[in-house]
C-alpha cells in the first residue's frame, strides 16, 4: 500500500506540472504547426499546399452557414477570390484522439471573399485525420465573433 501511495505521489509530481502548464504533446504541436502552414498557404495563394492539407472529403462551413468543398475552396484561393492579407491565430488548443485531431482557436483576419471585405475575428474548429504520416483537414467551421452587449 505504501509503495502504491508513493508511486501515485511520484506520478503527480512528475506529470502534473506538464498537464497544468498545458504543454502540448508532439502530435498536438504538429497540429498547431499545420495551422500555421495553412495560414501561409492562404496568404501565398499556394493551392498545392492546400491540396496536401485538405482530405478528399474536406468540407468548410463558413460564418455565413454556406458549405464549401475541397475543390471549391482550393479554386477560390487559386483564382484569388479568397484573399488573405494577414491572419493572426490566437487562443489555440489542440487535442488528439488516436488518429483524429481537433484544433480550436480564434483567428483575426484581414481578408476578402469575391471582393467583399470579410475581415474580423472568427472562432474556429478544425478536425484532422492522420493519414500516410501527415495530418489532413476533413472539416472546418468558423463563426464570427461579435461584441457582447
Protein backbone atom coordinates (compact mmCIF):
# COMPACT_ATOMS: atom_id res chain seq x y z
CA UNK A 1 0.00 0.00 0.00
CA UNK A 2 2.81 2.40 0.89
CA UNK A 3 4.54 1.63 -2.42
CA UNK A 4 1.32 2.38 -4.33
CA UNK A 5 0.84 5.68 -2.47
CA UNK A 6 4.49 6.62 -3.13
CA UNK A 7 4.09 5.82 -6.82
CA UNK A 8 0.90 7.89 -7.01
CA UNK A 9 2.59 10.93 -5.45
CA UNK A 10 5.58 10.49 -7.71
CA UNK A 11 3.30 10.39 -10.77
CA UNK A 12 1.52 13.56 -9.62
CA UNK A 13 4.82 15.37 -9.06
CA UNK A 14 6.23 14.30 -12.44
CA UNK A 15 3.15 14.68 -14.67
CA UNK A 16 1.06 17.41 -13.06
CA UNK A 17 3.33 20.32 -13.98
CA UNK A 18 3.22 19.43 -17.68
CA UNK A 19 -0.54 18.96 -17.58
CA UNK A 20 -1.17 22.14 -15.63
CA UNK A 21 1.19 24.14 -17.83
CA UNK A 22 -0.68 22.93 -20.90
CA UNK A 23 2.43 21.60 -22.61
CA UNK A 24 1.23 20.19 -25.90
CA UNK A 25 2.20 16.67 -26.93
CA UNK A 26 4.24 16.09 -30.09
CA UNK A 27 1.07 15.35 -32.07
CA UNK A 28 -0.61 18.49 -30.73
CA UNK A 29 2.46 20.53 -31.69
CA UNK A 30 2.25 19.04 -35.19
CA UNK A 31 -1.36 20.16 -35.50
CA UNK A 32 -0.53 23.69 -34.37
CA UNK A 33 2.27 23.80 -36.97
CA UNK A 34 -0.19 22.63 -39.63
CA UNK A 35 -2.45 25.55 -38.72
CA UNK A 36 0.46 27.97 -39.26
CA UNK A 37 1.28 26.34 -42.61
CA UNK A 38 -2.38 26.66 -43.60
CA UNK A 39 -2.28 30.42 -42.99
CA UNK A 40 0.91 30.70 -45.06
CA UNK A 41 -0.72 28.73 -47.91
CA UNK A 42 -3.68 31.13 -47.98
CA UNK A 43 -1.51 34.25 -47.87
CA UNK A 44 0.74 32.91 -50.66
CA UNK A 45 -2.10 31.50 -52.83
CA UNK A 46 -0.37 28.10 -52.51
CA UNK A 47 -3.03 25.77 -53.85
CA UNK A 48 -0.56 22.85 -53.98
CA UNK A 49 -0.09 23.10 -50.20
CA UNK A 50 -3.87 23.20 -49.72
CA UNK A 51 -4.27 20.08 -51.89
CA UNK A 52 -2.00 18.20 -49.47
CA UNK A 53 -3.63 19.69 -46.39
CA UNK A 54 -7.27 19.04 -47.32
CA UNK A 55 -8.61 15.50 -47.25
CA UNK A 56 -10.72 14.40 -50.22
CA UNK A 57 -13.88 14.71 -48.10
CA UNK A 58 -12.91 18.15 -46.70
CA UNK A 59 -15.85 20.46 -46.04
CA UNK A 60 -15.64 24.04 -44.83
CA UNK A 61 -18.65 25.66 -43.19
CA UNK A 62 -18.24 29.41 -43.21
CA UNK A 63 -19.59 32.03 -40.83
CA UNK A 64 -22.42 32.63 -43.31
CA UNK A 65 -23.52 28.98 -42.99
CA UNK A 66 -22.52 28.02 -46.52
CA UNK A 67 -20.58 24.81 -47.02
CA UNK A 68 -17.62 24.71 -49.42
CA UNK A 69 -15.97 21.54 -50.74
CA UNK A 70 -12.27 20.88 -51.07
CA UNK A 71 -12.22 21.68 -54.79
CA UNK A 72 -14.27 24.87 -54.33
CA UNK A 73 -12.01 26.08 -51.53
CA UNK A 74 -8.81 25.42 -53.47
CA UNK A 75 -10.23 27.06 -56.61
CA UNK A 76 -11.20 30.21 -54.68
CA UNK A 77 -7.59 30.51 -53.48
CA UNK A 78 -6.09 29.68 -56.88
CA UNK A 79 -8.39 32.24 -58.60
CA UNK A 80 -7.72 34.90 -55.95
CA UNK A 81 -11.41 35.01 -54.97
CA UNK A 82 -10.30 34.31 -51.38
CA UNK A 83 -7.53 36.76 -50.48
CA UNK A 84 -5.89 36.72 -47.05
CA UNK A 85 -3.63 39.68 -46.41
CA UNK A 86 -2.98 38.88 -42.74
CA UNK A 87 -4.16 36.34 -40.20
CA UNK A 88 -3.23 36.04 -36.55
CA UNK A 89 -4.10 32.80 -34.78
CA UNK A 90 -4.79 33.10 -31.05
CA UNK A 91 -6.17 31.14 -28.10
CA UNK A 92 -5.44 27.87 -29.88
CA UNK A 93 -5.90 24.47 -28.34
CA UNK A 94 -5.15 21.10 -29.92
CA UNK A 95 -6.37 17.70 -28.78
CA UNK A 96 -5.54 14.33 -30.28
CA UNK A 97 -7.74 11.22 -30.08
CA UNK A 98 -5.78 8.44 -31.76
CA UNK A 99 -5.56 9.39 -35.44
CA UNK A 100 -8.06 12.26 -35.07
CA UNK A 101 -7.08 15.78 -34.03
CA UNK A 102 -9.19 18.80 -33.19
CA UNK A 103 -7.89 22.37 -33.10
CA UNK A 104 -9.95 25.26 -31.79
CA UNK A 105 -9.00 28.88 -31.61
CA UNK A 106 -9.57 32.38 -32.83
CA UNK A 107 -8.25 33.97 -35.98
CA UNK A 108 -8.14 37.68 -36.57
CA UNK A 109 -8.06 38.09 -40.30
CA UNK A 110 -7.72 40.80 -42.89
CA UNK A 111 -9.28 39.20 -45.95
CA UNK A 112 -11.76 39.41 -48.78
CA UNK A 113 -14.01 36.87 -50.43
CA UNK A 114 -15.03 37.55 -54.03
CA UNK A 115 -14.15 41.21 -53.47
CA UNK A 116 -16.19 41.57 -50.27
CA UNK A 117 -14.33 42.54 -47.08
CA UNK A 118 -14.70 39.71 -44.56
CA UNK A 119 -12.07 40.95 -42.11
CA UNK A 120 -12.66 40.38 -38.44
CA UNK A 121 -12.36 37.93 -35.59
CA UNK A 122 -13.61 34.36 -36.00
CA UNK A 123 -13.70 31.35 -33.67
CA UNK A 124 -12.91 28.13 -35.49
CA UNK A 125 -12.91 24.38 -35.06
CA UNK A 126 -10.77 22.26 -37.39
CA UNK A 127 -10.94 18.46 -37.47
CA UNK A 128 -7.98 16.49 -38.79
CA UNK A 129 -7.26 12.83 -39.55
CA UNK A 130 -3.72 11.47 -39.68
CA UNK A 131 -3.21 9.60 -42.94
CA UNK A 132 0.01 8.39 -44.53
CA UNK A 133 2.01 10.05 -41.76
CA UNK A 134 0.50 13.53 -42.15
CA UNK A 135 -2.46 15.47 -40.78
CA UNK A 136 -5.24 16.26 -43.25
CA UNK A 137 -8.20 18.50 -42.51
CA UNK A 138 -11.58 16.84 -43.03
CA UNK A 139 -13.80 19.63 -41.66
CA UNK A 140 -13.59 23.22 -40.56
CA UNK A 141 -16.18 25.61 -39.21
CA UNK A 142 -15.86 29.32 -38.45
CA UNK A 143 -18.13 31.68 -36.52
CA UNK A 144 -17.75 35.46 -36.49
CA UNK A 145 -17.04 36.84 -33.04
CA UNK A 146 -19.47 39.58 -32.10
CA UNK A 147 -19.20 42.00 -29.24
CA UNK A 148 -21.16 41.06 -26.16
CA UNK A 149 -23.76 43.63 -25.02
